[in-house]
Amino acid sequence: SVRNGEIDYLEHNPHYLAKPSIAGRISDALTEIGF
């Protein structure tokens, strides 16, 4: 969700059935980036 050109909210729709799943890697990266 973008306000004034910048992200102010973010939803991640994980694909849990993917093998291998990258949902955990995405979550870790978002946390590291500052979310």
ModelCIF file with pLDDT and N, C-alpha, C, O atoms, coordinates in Angstrom:
data_MODEL
#
_entry.id   MODEL 
#
_entity.id                         1 
_entity.type                       polymer 
_entity.pdbx_number_of_molecules   1 
#
_entity_poly.entity_id                      1 
_entity_poly.type                           'polypeptide(L)' 
_entity_poly.nstd_linkage                   no 
_entity_poly.nstd_monomer                   no 
_entity_poly.pdbx_seq_one_letter_code       SVRNGEIDYLEHNPHYLAKPSIAGRISDALTEIGF 
_entity_poly.pdbx_seq_one_letter_code_can   SVRNGEIDYLEHNPHYLAKPSIAGRISDALTEIGF 
_entity_poly.pdbx_strand_id                 A 
#
loop_
_entity_poly_seq.entity_id 
_entity_poly_seq.num 
_entity_poly_seq.mon_id 
_entity_poly_seq.hetero 
1 1  SER n 
1 2  VAL n 
1 3  ARG n 
1 4  ASN n 
1 5  GLY n 
1 6  GLU n 
1 7  ILE n 
1 8  ASP n 
1 9  TYR n 
1 10 LEU n 
1 11 GLU n 
1 12 HIS n 
1 13 ASN n 
1 14 PRO n 
1 15 HIS n 
1 16 TYR n 
1 17 LEU n 
1 18 ALA n 
1 19 LYS n 
1 20 PRO n 
1 21 SER n 
1 22 ILE n 
1 23 ALA n 
1 24 GLY n 
1 25 ARG n 
1 26 ILE n 
1 27 SER n 
1 28 ASP n 
1 29 ALA n 
1 30 LEU n 
1 31 THR n 
1 32 GLU n 
1 33 ILE n 
1 34 GLY n 
1 35 PHE n 
#
_struct_asym.id          A 
_struct_asym.entity_id   1 
#
loop_
_ma_qa_metric.id 
_ma_qa_metric.mode 
_ma_qa_metric.name 
_ma_qa_metric.software_group_id 
_ma_qa_metric.type 
1 global pLDDT . pLDDT 
2 local  pLDDT . pLDDT 
#
_ma_qa_metric_global.metric_id      1 
_ma_qa_metric_global.metric_value   90.54 
_ma_qa_metric_global.model_id       1 
_ma_qa_metric_global.ordinal_id     1 
#
loop_
_ma_qa_metric_local.label_asym_id 
_ma_qa_metric_local.label_comp_id 
_ma_qa_metric_local.label_seq_id 
_ma_qa_metric_local.metric_id 
_ma_qa_metric_local.metric_value 
_ma_qa_metric_local.model_id 
_ma_qa_metric_local.ordinal_id 
A SER 1  2 93.00 1 1  
A VAL 2  2 94.00 1 2  
A ARG 3  2 92.00 1 3  
A ASN 4  2 93.00 1 4  
A GLY 5  2 91.00 1 5  
A GLU 6  2 95.00 1 6  
A ILE 7  2 96.00 1 7  
A ASP 8  2 94.00 1 8  
A TYR 9  2 94.00 1 9  
A LEU 10 2 94.00 1 10 
A GLU 11 2 93.00 1 11 
A HIS 12 2 93.00 1 12 
A ASN 13 2 91.00 1 13 
A PRO 14 2 87.00 1 14 
A HIS 15 2 82.00 1 15 
A TYR 16 2 74.00 1 16 
A LEU 17 2 73.00 1 17 
A ALA 18 2 74.00 1 18 
A LYS 19 2 77.00 1 19 
A PRO 20 2 79.00 1 20 
A SER 21 2 83.00 1 21 
A ILE 22 2 89.00 1 22 
A ALA 23 2 89.00 1 23 
A GLY 24 2 91.00 1 24 
A ARG 25 2 94.00 1 25 
A ILE 26 2 95.00 1 26 
A SER 27 2 94.00 1 27 
A ASP 28 2 96.00 1 28 
A ALA 29 2 97.00 1 29 
A LEU 30 2 97.00 1 30 
A THR 31 2 97.00 1 31 
A GLU 32 2 97.00 1 32 
A ILE 33 2 97.00 1 33 
A GLY 34 2 97.00 1 34 
A PHE 35 2 97.00 1 35 
#
loop_
_atom_site.group_PDB 
_atom_site.id 
_atom_site.type_symbol 
_atom_site.label_atom_id 
_atom_site.label_alt_id 
_atom_site.label_comp_id 
_atom_site.label_asym_id 
_atom_site.label_entity_id 
_atom_site.label_seq_id 
_atom_site.pdbx_PDB_ins_code 
_atom_site.Cartn_x 
_atom_site.Cartn_y 
_atom_site.Cartn_z 
_atom_site.occupancy 
_atom_site.B_iso_or_equiv 
_atom_site.pdbx_formal_charge 
_atom_site.auth_seq_id 
_atom_site.auth_comp_id 
_atom_site.auth_asym_id 
_atom_site.auth_atom_id 
_atom_site.pdbx_PDB_model_num 
ATOM 1   N N  . SER A 1 1  ? 0.876  -1.157  0.000  1.00 93.00 ? 1  SER A N  1 
ATOM 2   C CA . SER A 1 1  ? 0.000  0.000   0.000  1.00 93.00 ? 1  SER A CA 1 
ATOM 3   C C  . SER A 1 1  ? 0.921  1.216   0.000  1.00 93.00 ? 1  SER A C  1 
ATOM 4   O O  . SER A 1 1  ? 1.790  1.348   0.863  1.00 93.00 ? 1  SER A O  1 
ATOM 5   N N  . VAL A 1 2  ? 0.725  2.100   -0.972 1.00 94.00 ? 2  VAL A N  1 
ATOM 6   C CA . VAL A 1 2  ? 1.641  3.218   -1.168 1.00 94.00 ? 2  VAL A CA 1 
ATOM 7   C C  . VAL A 1 2  ? 0.926  4.538   -0.881 1.00 94.00 ? 2  VAL A C  1 
ATOM 8   O O  . VAL A 1 2  ? -0.173 4.792   -1.374 1.00 94.00 ? 2  VAL A O  1 
ATOM 9   N N  . ARG A 1 3  ? 1.574  5.358   -0.082 1.00 92.00 ? 3  ARG A N  1 
ATOM 10  C CA . ARG A 1 3  ? 1.082  6.701   0.203  1.00 92.00 ? 3  ARG A CA 1 
ATOM 11  C C  . ARG A 1 3  ? 2.233  7.666   -0.061 1.00 92.00 ? 3  ARG A C  1 
ATOM 12  O O  . ARG A 1 3  ? 3.338  7.478   0.449  1.00 92.00 ? 3  ARG A O  1 
ATOM 13  N N  . ASN A 1 4  ? 1.972  8.690   -0.854 1.00 93.00 ? 4  ASN A N  1 
ATOM 14  C CA . ASN A 1 4  ? 2.999  9.678   -1.215 1.00 93.00 ? 4  ASN A CA 1 
ATOM 15  C C  . ASN A 1 4  ? 4.233  9.004   -1.812 1.00 93.00 ? 4  ASN A C  1 
ATOM 16  O O  . ASN A 1 4  ? 5.359  9.441   -1.578 1.00 93.00 ? 4  ASN A O  1 
ATOM 17  N N  . GLY A 1 5  ? 4.016  7.943   -2.582 1.00 91.00 ? 5  GLY A N  1 
ATOM 18  C CA . GLY A 1 5  ? 5.095  7.263   -3.276 1.00 91.00 ? 5  GLY A CA 1 
ATOM 19  C C  . GLY A 1 5  ? 5.857  6.238   -2.452 1.00 91.00 ? 5  GLY A C  1 
ATOM 20  O O  . GLY A 1 5  ? 6.713  5.536   -2.992 1.00 91.00 ? 5  GLY A O  1 
ATOM 21  N N  . GLU A 1 6  ? 5.569  6.131   -1.154 1.00 95.00 ? 6  GLU A N  1 
ATOM 22  C CA . GLU A 1 6  ? 6.300  5.203   -0.283 1.00 95.00 ? 6  GLU A CA 1 
ATOM 23  C C  . GLU A 1 6  ? 5.354  4.184   0.347  1.00 95.00 ? 6  GLU A C  1 
ATOM 24  O O  . GLU A 1 6  ? 4.175  4.454   0.577  1.00 95.00 ? 6  GLU A O  1 
ATOM 25  N N  . ILE A 1 7  ? 5.908  3.010   0.616  1.00 96.00 ? 7  ILE A N  1 
ATOM 26  C CA . ILE A 1 7  ? 5.117  1.929   1.210  1.00 96.00 ? 7  ILE A CA 1 
ATOM 27  C C  . ILE A 1 7  ? 4.771  2.282   2.657  1.00 96.00 ? 7  ILE A C  1 
ATOM 28  O O  . ILE A 1 7  ? 5.654  2.590   3.457  1.00 96.00 ? 7  ILE A O  1 
ATOM 29  N N  . ASP A 1 8  ? 3.468  2.234   2.985  1.00 94.00 ? 8  ASP A N  1 
ATOM 30  C CA . ASP A 1 8  ? 3.056  2.468   4.367  1.00 94.00 ? 8  ASP A CA 1 
ATOM 31  C C  . ASP A 1 8  ? 2.422  1.226   5.000  1.00 94.00 ? 8  ASP A C  1 
ATOM 32  O O  . ASP A 1 8  ? 2.124  1.218   6.194  1.00 94.00 ? 8  ASP A O  1 
ATOM 33  N N  . TYR A 1 9  ? 2.220  0.186   4.200  1.00 94.00 ? 9  TYR A N  1 
ATOM 34  C CA . TYR A 1 9  ? 1.642  -1.073  4.675  1.00 94.00 ? 9  TYR A CA 1 
ATOM 35  C C  . TYR A 1 9  ? 1.943  -2.102  3.607  1.00 94.00 ? 9  TYR A C  1 
ATOM 36  O O  . TYR A 1 9  ? 2.011  -1.773  2.423  1.00 94.00 ? 9  TYR A O  1 
ATOM 37  N N  . LEU A 1 10 ? 2.124  -3.347  4.018  1.00 94.00 ? 10 LEU A N  1 
ATOM 38  C CA . LEU A 1 10 ? 2.545  -4.380  3.079  1.00 94.00 ? 10 LEU A CA 1 
ATOM 39  C C  . LEU A 1 10 ? 1.893  -5.697  3.465  1.00 94.00 ? 10 LEU A C  1 
ATOM 40  O O  . LEU A 1 10 ? 1.937  -6.103  4.626  1.00 94.00 ? 10 LEU A O  1 
ATOM 41  N N  . GLU A 1 11 ? 1.290  -6.360  2.492  1.00 93.00 ? 11 GLU A N  1 
ATOM 42  C CA . GLU A 1 11 ? 0.714  -7.683  2.708  1.00 93.00 ? 11 GLU A CA 1 
ATOM 43  C C  . GLU A 1 11 ? 1.504  -8.701  1.901  1.00 93.00 ? 11 GLU A C  1 
ATOM 44  O O  . GLU A 1 11 ? 1.802  -8.481  0.727  1.00 93.00 ? 11 GLU A O  1 
ATOM 45  N N  . HIS A 1 12 ? 1.837  -9.806  2.531  1.00 93.00 ? 12 HIS A N  1 
ATOM 46  C CA . HIS A 1 12 ? 2.534  -10.907 1.867  1.00 93.00 ? 12 HIS A CA 1 
ATOM 47  C C  . HIS A 1 12 ? 1.565  -12.067 1.770  1.00 93.00 ? 12 HIS A C  1 
ATOM 48  O O  . HIS A 1 12 ? 1.085  -12.580 2.781  1.00 93.00 ? 12 HIS A O  1 
ATOM 49  N N  . ASN A 1 13 ? 1.284  -12.475 0.544  1.00 91.00 ? 13 ASN A N  1 
ATOM 50  C CA . ASN A 1 13 ? 0.456  -13.653 0.308  1.00 91.00 ? 13 ASN A CA 1 
ATOM 51  C C  . ASN A 1 13 ? 1.411  -14.795 -0.015 1.00 91.00 ? 13 ASN A C  1 
ATOM 52  O O  . ASN A 1 13 ? 1.828  -14.950 -1.162 1.00 91.00 ? 13 ASN A O  1 
ATOM 53  N N  . PRO A 1 14 ? 1.761  -15.599 0.997  1.00 87.00 ? 14 PRO A N  1 
ATOM 54  C CA . PRO A 1 14 ? 2.727  -16.687 0.777  1.00 87.00 ? 14 PRO A CA 1 
ATOM 55  C C  . PRO A 1 14 ? 2.132  -17.821 -0.042 1.00 87.00 ? 14 PRO A C  1 
ATOM 56  O O  . PRO A 1 14 ? 0.933  -18.094 0.015  1.00 87.00 ? 14 PRO A O  1 
ATOM 57  N N  . HIS A 1 15 ? 2.987  -18.463 -0.793 1.00 82.00 ? 15 HIS A N  1 
ATOM 58  C CA . HIS A 1 15 ? 2.595  -19.667 -1.520 1.00 82.00 ? 15 HIS A CA 1 
ATOM 59  C C  . HIS A 1 15 ? 3.152  -20.854 -0.727 1.00 82.00 ? 15 HIS A C  1 
ATOM 60  O O  . HIS A 1 15 ? 4.242  -21.355 -1.003 1.00 82.00 ? 15 HIS A O  1 
ATOM 61  N N  . TYR A 1 16 ? 2.370  -21.286 0.264  1.00 74.00 ? 16 TYR A N  1 
ATOM 62  C CA . TYR A 1 16 ? 2.833  -22.306 1.202  1.00 74.00 ? 16 TYR A CA 1 
ATOM 63  C C  . TYR A 1 16 ? 3.094  -23.661 0.560  1.00 74.00 ? 16 TYR A C  1 
ATOM 64  O O  . TYR A 1 16 ? 3.858  -24.461 1.100  1.00 74.00 ? 16 TYR A O  1 
ATOM 65  N N  . LEU A 1 17 ? 2.472  -23.933 -0.583 1.00 73.00 ? 17 LEU A N  1 
ATOM 66  C CA . LEU A 1 17 ? 2.637  -25.237 -1.213 1.00 73.00 ? 17 LEU A CA 1 
ATOM 67  C C  . LEU A 1 17 ? 3.876  -25.316 -2.095 1.00 73.00 ? 17 LEU A C  1 
ATOM 68  O O  . LEU A 1 17 ? 4.230  -26.394 -2.573 1.00 73.00 ? 17 LEU A O  1 
ATOM 69  N N  . ALA A 1 18 ? 4.536  -24.183 -2.311 1.00 74.00 ? 18 ALA A N  1 
ATOM 70  C CA . ALA A 1 18 ? 5.740  -24.185 -3.142 1.00 74.00 ? 18 ALA A CA 1 
ATOM 71  C C  . ALA A 1 18 ? 6.828  -25.005 -2.466 1.00 74.00 ? 18 ALA A C  1 
ATOM 72  O O  . ALA A 1 18 ? 6.996  -24.953 -1.248 1.00 74.00 ? 18 ALA A O  1 
ATOM 73  N N  . LYS A 1 19 ? 7.548  -25.746 -3.255 1.00 77.00 ? 19 LYS A N  1 
ATOM 74  C CA . LYS A 1 19 ? 8.661  -26.553 -2.741 1.00 77.00 ? 19 LYS A CA 1 
ATOM 75  C C  . LYS A 1 19 ? 9.927  -26.146 -3.452 1.00 77.00 ? 19 LYS A C  1 
ATOM 76  O O  . LYS A 1 19 ? 10.035 -26.378 -4.656 1.00 77.00 ? 19 LYS A O  1 
ATOM 77  N N  . PRO A 1 20 ? 10.872 -25.564 -2.792 1.00 79.00 ? 20 PRO A N  1 
ATOM 78  C CA . PRO A 1 20 ? 10.826 -25.190 -1.380 1.00 79.00 ? 20 PRO A CA 1 
ATOM 79  C C  . PRO A 1 20 ? 10.087 -23.869 -1.185 1.00 79.00 ? 20 PRO A C  1 
ATOM 80  O O  . PRO A 1 20 ? 10.073 -23.020 -2.076 1.00 79.00 ? 20 PRO A O  1 
ATOM 81  N N  . SER A 1 21 ? 9.487  -23.707 -0.038 1.00 83.00 ? 21 SER A N  1 
ATOM 82  C CA . SER A 1 21 ? 8.811  -22.464 0.300  1.00 83.00 ? 21 SER A CA 1 
ATOM 83  C C  . SER A 1 21 ? 9.851  -21.395 0.606  1.00 83.00 ? 21 SER A C  1 
ATOM 84  O O  . SER A 1 21 ? 10.869 -21.671 1.241  1.00 83.00 ? 21 SER A O  1 
ATOM 85  N N  . ILE A 1 22 ? 9.592  -20.184 0.156  1.00 89.00 ? 22 ILE A N  1 
ATOM 86  C CA . ILE A 1 22 ? 10.498 -19.079 0.475  1.00 89.00 ? 22 ILE A CA 1 
ATOM 87  C C  . ILE A 1 22 ? 9.839  -18.074 1.420  1.00 89.00 ? 22 ILE A C  1 
ATOM 88  O O  . ILE A 1 22 ? 10.376 -16.991 1.651  1.00 89.00 ? 22 ILE A O  1 
ATOM 89  N N  . ALA A 1 23 ? 8.684  -18.432 1.962  1.00 89.00 ? 23 ALA A N  1 
ATOM 90  C CA . ALA A 1 23 ? 7.955  -17.510 2.839  1.00 89.00 ? 23 ALA A CA 1 
ATOM 91  C C  . ALA A 1 23 ? 8.811  -17.062 4.024  1.00 89.00 ? 23 ALA A C  1 
ATOM 92  O O  . ALA A 1 23 ? 8.803  -15.883 4.377  1.00 89.00 ? 23 ALA A O  1 
ATOM 93  N N  . GLY A 1 24 ? 9.531  -17.964 4.627  1.00 91.00 ? 24 GLY A N  1 
ATOM 94  C CA . GLY A 1 24 ? 10.379 -17.605 5.769  1.00 91.00 ? 24 GLY A CA 1 
ATOM 95  C C  . GLY A 1 24 ? 11.511 -16.687 5.363  1.00 91.00 ? 24 GLY A C  1 
ATOM 96  O O  . GLY A 1 24 ? 11.853 -15.760 6.098  1.00 91.00 ? 24 GLY A O  1 
ATOM 97  N N  . ARG A 1 25 ? 12.102 -16.933 4.192  1.00 94.00 ? 25 ARG A N  1 
ATOM 98  C CA . ARG A 1 25 ? 13.182 -16.065 3.701  1.00 94.00 ? 25 ARG A CA 1 
ATOM 99  C C  . ARG A 1 25 ? 12.659 -14.662 3.404  1.00 94.00 ? 25 ARG A C  1 
ATOM 100 O O  . ARG A 1 25 ? 13.342 -13.673 3.672  1.00 94.00 ? 25 ARG A O  1 
ATOM 101 N N  . ILE A 1 26 ? 11.462 -14.575 2.857  1.00 95.00 ? 26 ILE A N  1 
ATOM 102 C CA . ILE A 1 26 ? 10.859 -13.267 2.581  1.00 95.00 ? 26 ILE A CA 1 
ATOM 103 C C  . ILE A 1 26 ? 10.619 -12.531 3.888  1.00 95.00 ? 26 ILE A C  1 
ATOM 104 O O  . ILE A 1 26 ? 10.948 -11.351 4.007  1.00 95.00 ? 26 ILE A O  1 
ATOM 105 N N  . SER A 1 27 ? 10.045 -13.222 4.871  1.00 94.00 ? 27 SER A N  1 
ATOM 106 C CA . SER A 1 27 ? 9.782  -12.615 6.171  1.00 94.00 ? 27 SER A CA 1 
ATOM 107 C C  . SER A 1 27 ? 11.073 -12.115 6.820  1.00 94.00 ? 27 SER A C  1 
ATOM 108 O O  . SER A 1 27 ? 11.125 -10.995 7.329  1.00 94.00 ? 27 SER A O  1 
ATOM 109 N N  . ASP A 1 28 ? 12.108 -12.947 6.798  1.00 96.00 ? 28 ASP A N  1 
ATOM 110 C CA . ASP A 1 28 ? 13.396 -12.549 7.376  1.00 96.00 ? 28 ASP A CA 1 
ATOM 111 C C  . ASP A 1 28 ? 13.963 -11.328 6.661  1.00 96.00 ? 28 ASP A C  1 
ATOM 112 O O  . ASP A 1 28 ? 14.481 -10.415 7.305  1.00 96.00 ? 28 ASP A O  1 
ATOM 113 N N  . ALA A 1 29 ? 13.869 -11.308 5.339  1.00 97.00 ? 29 ALA A N  1 
ATOM 114 C CA . ALA A 1 29 ? 14.394 -10.181 4.567  1.00 97.00 ? 29 ALA A CA 1 
ATOM 115 C C  . ALA A 1 29 ? 13.620 -8.902  4.864  1.00 97.00 ? 29 ALA A C  1 
ATOM 116 O O  . ALA A 1 29 ? 14.219 -7.840  5.034  1.00 97.00 ? 29 ALA A O  1 
ATOM 117 N N  . LEU A 1 30 ? 12.298 -8.994  4.927  1.00 97.00 ? 30 LEU A N  1 
ATOM 118 C CA . LEU A 1 30 ? 11.494 -7.807  5.236  1.00 97.00 ? 30 LEU A CA 1 
ATOM 119 C C  . LEU A 1 30 ? 11.847 -7.243  6.610  1.00 97.00 ? 30 LEU A C  1 
ATOM 120 O O  . LEU A 1 30 ? 11.933 -6.027  6.785  1.00 97.00 ? 30 LEU A O  1 
ATOM 121 N N  . THR A 1 31 ? 12.049 -8.126  7.576  1.00 97.00 ? 31 THR A N  1 
ATOM 122 C CA . THR A 1 31 ? 12.431 -7.682  8.914  1.00 97.00 ? 31 THR A CA 1 
ATOM 123 C C  . THR A 1 31 ? 13.801 -7.013  8.883  1.00 97.00 ? 31 THR A C  1 
ATOM 124 O O  . THR A 1 31 ? 14.004 -5.972  9.507  1.00 97.00 ? 31 THR A O  1 
ATOM 125 N N  . GLU A 1 32 ? 14.725 -7.605  8.166  1.00 97.00 ? 32 GLU A N  1 
ATOM 126 C CA . GLU A 1 32 ? 16.069 -7.042  8.048  1.00 97.00 ? 32 GLU A CA 1 
ATOM 127 C C  . GLU A 1 32 ? 16.054 -5.675  7.354  1.00 97.00 ? 32 GLU A C  1 
ATOM 128 O O  . GLU A 1 32 ? 16.819 -4.783  7.721  1.00 97.00 ? 32 GLU A O  1 
ATOM 129 N N  . ILE A 1 33 ? 15.199 -5.518  6.369  1.00 97.00 ? 33 ILE A N  1 
ATOM 130 C CA . ILE A 1 33 ? 15.091 -4.268  5.618  1.00 97.00 ? 33 ILE A CA 1 
ATOM 131 C C  . ILE A 1 33 ? 14.461 -3.164  6.469  1.00 97.00 ? 33 ILE A C  1 
ATOM 132 O O  . ILE A 1 33 ? 14.737 -1.984  6.251  1.00 97.00 ? 33 ILE A O  1 
ATOM 133 N N  . GLY A 1 34 ? 13.625 -3.532  7.426  1.00 97.00 ? 34 GLY A N  1 
ATOM 134 C CA . GLY A 1 34 ? 13.033 -2.518  8.294  1.00 97.00 ? 34 GLY A CA 1 
ATOM 135 C C  . GLY A 1 34 ? 11.528 -2.559  8.414  1.00 97.00 ? 34 GLY A C  1 
ATOM 136 O O  . GLY A 1 34 ? 10.902 -1.576  8.809  1.00 97.00 ? 34 GLY A O  1 
ATOM 137 N N  . PHE A 1 35 ? 10.940 -3.704  8.071  1.00 97.00 ? 35 PHE A N  1 
ATOM 138 C CA . PHE A 1 35 ? 9.494  -3.853  8.227  1.00 97.00 ? 35 PHE A CA 1 
ATOM 139 C C  . PHE A 1 35 ? 9.197  -4.661  9.479  1.00 97.00 ? 35 PHE A C  1 
ATOM 140 O O  . PHE A 1 35 ? 8.032  -4.903  9.796  1.00 97.00 ? 35 PHE A O  1 
#
